[in-house]
């Protein structure tokens, strides 16, 4: 069983409806909180997991500098989420290596999805609050964003939050 086939099975266990993107069983898409996610194939390394949120923001000549600034800040604020520009669109990525003797888990996949969603929310908020000024020492506290809240971390409960998965 391929790594992506294992991930698709885990996604389904978590309540997601993963759809084969191009019919060849390598790339899959699913939704979480009305955002499209893409499980990307990596034939070169079966131990490598890459999940992305495609086309988060359309980059033009007029907003390219803003996009670069927000992408750079994202790298400082969120440890695991990466952003890049592909064909004039910003994409968010989470990449993870799974050792040969380990298997991906539901907890790992849920963490990846929630981390990406936190990155998506942060990125959209940062765009909305972008002033063009890069003040030294600015740590984006003015965005009033709580990563733990968006990741669904709550120390008082241990609820399964897979009900956020979109089924279609």
Protein backbone atom coordinates (compact mmCIF):
# COMPACT_ATOMS: atom_id res chain seq x y z
CA UNK A 1 0.00 0.00 0.00
CA UNK A 2 1.40 3.39 -1.00
CA UNK A 3 1.91 6.18 1.52
CA UNK A 4 -0.89 8.23 -0.07
CA UNK A 5 -3.25 5.23 0.06
CA UNK A 6 -2.52 4.99 3.81
CA UNK A 7 -3.16 8.71 4.22
CA UNK A 8 -6.46 8.47 2.31
CA UNK A 9 -7.55 5.65 4.61
CA UNK A 10 -6.65 7.76 7.66
CA UNK A 11 -8.52 10.75 6.21
CA UNK A 12 -11.61 8.59 5.77
CA UNK A 13 -11.25 7.30 9.35
CA UNK A 14 -11.23 10.94 10.47
CA UNK A 15 -14.46 11.62 8.56
CA UNK A 16 -13.05 13.26 5.45
CA UNK A 17 -14.19 12.42 1.95
CA UNK A 18 -11.00 12.24 -0.12
CA UNK A 19 -11.48 12.35 -3.90
CA UNK A 20 -8.98 11.12 -6.48
CA UNK A 21 -7.92 14.27 -8.33
CA UNK A 22 -6.97 12.81 -11.69
CA UNK A 23 -8.12 9.19 -11.53
CA UNK A 24 -4.70 7.61 -11.14
CA UNK A 25 -4.78 7.16 -7.36
CA UNK A 26 -1.84 9.45 -6.62
CA UNK A 27 -3.24 12.91 -5.79
CA UNK A 28 -6.36 13.47 -3.69
CA UNK A 29 -8.37 16.46 -2.57
CA UNK A 30 -10.65 16.98 0.41
CA UNK A 31 -12.24 19.85 2.31
CA UNK A 32 -11.95 21.06 5.88
CA UNK A 33 -13.95 24.08 7.11
CA UNK A 34 -14.84 24.96 3.50
CA UNK A 35 -11.17 25.09 2.41
CA UNK A 36 -9.78 22.78 -0.28
CA UNK A 37 -6.79 20.60 0.63
CA UNK A 38 -4.58 18.56 -1.67
CA UNK A 39 -2.72 15.37 -0.73
CA UNK A 40 0.15 15.45 -3.20
CA UNK A 41 2.00 12.47 -4.59
CA UNK A 42 5.73 12.11 -4.18
CA UNK A 43 6.95 9.17 -6.24
CA UNK A 44 10.57 9.92 -5.39
CA UNK A 45 10.14 9.33 -1.65
CA UNK A 46 7.37 7.10 -0.30
CA UNK A 47 8.16 8.25 3.26
CA UNK A 48 7.36 11.86 2.44
CA UNK A 49 3.91 13.34 3.10
CA UNK A 50 2.90 16.64 1.50
CA UNK A 51 -0.52 18.20 2.04
CA UNK A 52 -1.26 21.62 0.59
CA UNK A 53 -3.91 24.30 0.46
CA UNK A 54 -3.75 25.44 -3.16
CA UNK A 55 -4.46 28.90 -4.51
CA UNK A 56 -4.81 30.72 -1.20
CA UNK A 57 -4.15 34.10 -2.79
CA UNK A 58 -3.78 35.31 -6.37
CA UNK A 59 -0.55 37.26 -6.85
CA UNK A 60 -0.40 40.16 -9.28
CA UNK A 61 2.17 42.81 -10.13
CA UNK A 62 0.36 45.19 -7.79
CA UNK A 63 0.30 42.92 -4.72
CA UNK A 64 3.47 40.83 -5.21
CA UNK A 65 5.48 42.74 -2.57
CA UNK A 66 2.71 42.34 -0.01
CA UNK A 67 2.48 38.62 -0.80
CA UNK A 68 6.24 38.18 -0.30
CA UNK A 69 6.14 40.05 3.02
CA UNK A 70 3.23 38.00 4.35
CA UNK A 71 4.82 34.74 3.17
CA UNK A 72 8.05 35.68 4.94
CA UNK A 73 6.20 36.51 8.18
CA UNK A 74 4.28 33.21 8.02
CA UNK A 75 7.60 31.37 8.15
CA UNK A 76 8.44 33.12 11.43
CA UNK A 77 5.04 32.71 13.05
CA UNK A 78 4.14 29.10 12.23
CA UNK A 79 6.82 26.45 12.53
CA UNK A 80 5.51 23.72 10.25
CA UNK A 81 3.58 25.51 7.53
CA UNK A 82 5.43 26.75 4.45
CA UNK A 83 4.13 29.10 1.79
CA UNK A 84 5.21 29.48 -1.81
CA UNK A 85 4.09 31.03 -5.06
CA UNK A 86 3.20 28.68 -7.89
CA UNK A 87 1.92 30.10 -11.19
CA UNK A 88 1.02 33.42 -9.53
CA UNK A 89 -0.91 31.84 -6.66
CA UNK A 90 0.17 31.43 -3.04
CA UNK A 91 0.00 27.84 -1.83
CA UNK A 92 0.44 26.64 1.74
CA UNK A 93 2.27 23.36 2.41
CA UNK A 94 2.94 21.01 5.27
CA UNK A 95 5.60 18.41 4.62
CA UNK A 96 6.48 15.53 6.91
CA UNK A 97 8.88 12.61 6.75
CA UNK A 98 7.74 9.26 8.18
CA UNK A 99 10.54 6.86 9.16
CA UNK A 100 10.71 3.45 7.47
CA UNK A 101 9.72 1.69 10.68
CA UNK A 102 6.82 4.06 11.46
CA UNK A 103 3.34 4.48 10.05
CA UNK A 104 1.42 7.75 9.70
CA UNK A 105 -1.29 8.10 12.34
CA UNK A 106 -4.66 9.78 12.59
CA UNK A 107 -3.12 12.15 15.15
CA UNK A 108 -0.39 13.17 12.70
CA UNK A 109 -2.83 13.76 9.84
CA UNK A 110 -5.17 15.74 12.09
CA UNK A 111 -2.21 17.84 13.28
CA UNK A 112 -1.15 18.53 9.69
CA UNK A 113 -4.65 19.59 8.65
CA UNK A 114 -5.18 21.81 11.70
CA UNK A 115 -1.73 23.38 11.31
CA UNK A 116 -2.44 24.15 7.67
CA UNK A 117 -5.79 25.62 8.60
CA UNK A 118 -4.09 27.81 11.21
CA UNK A 119 -1.68 28.95 8.50
CA UNK A 120 -4.56 29.67 6.14
CA UNK A 121 -6.38 31.72 8.79
CA UNK A 122 -3.20 33.57 9.76
CA UNK A 123 -2.35 34.30 6.12
CA UNK A 124 -5.82 35.71 5.37
CA UNK A 125 -5.75 37.82 8.56
CA UNK A 126 -2.26 39.09 7.73
CA UNK A 127 -3.38 40.15 4.25
CA UNK A 128 -6.40 41.95 5.71
CA UNK A 129 -4.19 43.78 8.22
CA UNK A 130 -1.20 44.45 5.96
CA UNK A 131 0.02 48.02 6.24
CA UNK A 132 3.21 47.82 4.19
CA UNK A 133 5.23 48.94 7.16
CA UNK A 134 7.85 46.59 8.52
CA UNK A 135 8.43 47.84 12.02
CA UNK A 136 11.44 46.38 13.76
CA UNK A 137 10.42 44.06 16.57
CA UNK A 138 6.90 43.61 15.17
CA UNK A 139 5.85 40.06 16.00
CA UNK A 140 2.37 40.31 14.46
CA UNK A 141 0.63 40.50 17.83
CA UNK A 142 -1.55 43.18 16.27
CA UNK A 143 -3.23 40.47 14.19
CA UNK A 144 -4.96 39.22 17.33
CA UNK A 145 -4.53 35.61 16.21
CA UNK A 146 -4.27 32.62 18.53
CA UNK A 147 -2.71 29.55 16.91
CA UNK A 148 -3.85 27.27 19.75
CA UNK A 149 -7.46 28.40 19.27
CA UNK A 150 -7.38 27.76 15.54
CA UNK A 151 -5.71 24.38 16.04
CA UNK A 152 -8.57 23.48 18.36
CA UNK A 153 -6.31 23.02 21.36
CA UNK A 154 -8.33 23.07 24.55
CA UNK A 155 -6.69 21.88 27.76
CA UNK A 156 -10.04 21.25 29.46
CA UNK A 157 -11.45 18.76 26.96
CA UNK A 158 -10.30 15.86 24.85
CA UNK A 159 -13.10 15.95 22.27
CA UNK A 160 -12.80 14.50 18.78
CA UNK A 161 -13.22 17.44 16.39
CA UNK A 162 -13.48 15.42 13.19
CA UNK A 163 -17.02 16.76 12.77
CA UNK A 164 -15.33 19.72 11.05
CA UNK A 165 -14.51 17.44 8.11
CA UNK A 166 -16.53 18.18 5.02
CA UNK A 167 -18.24 15.15 3.56
CA UNK A 168 -18.50 15.87 -0.07
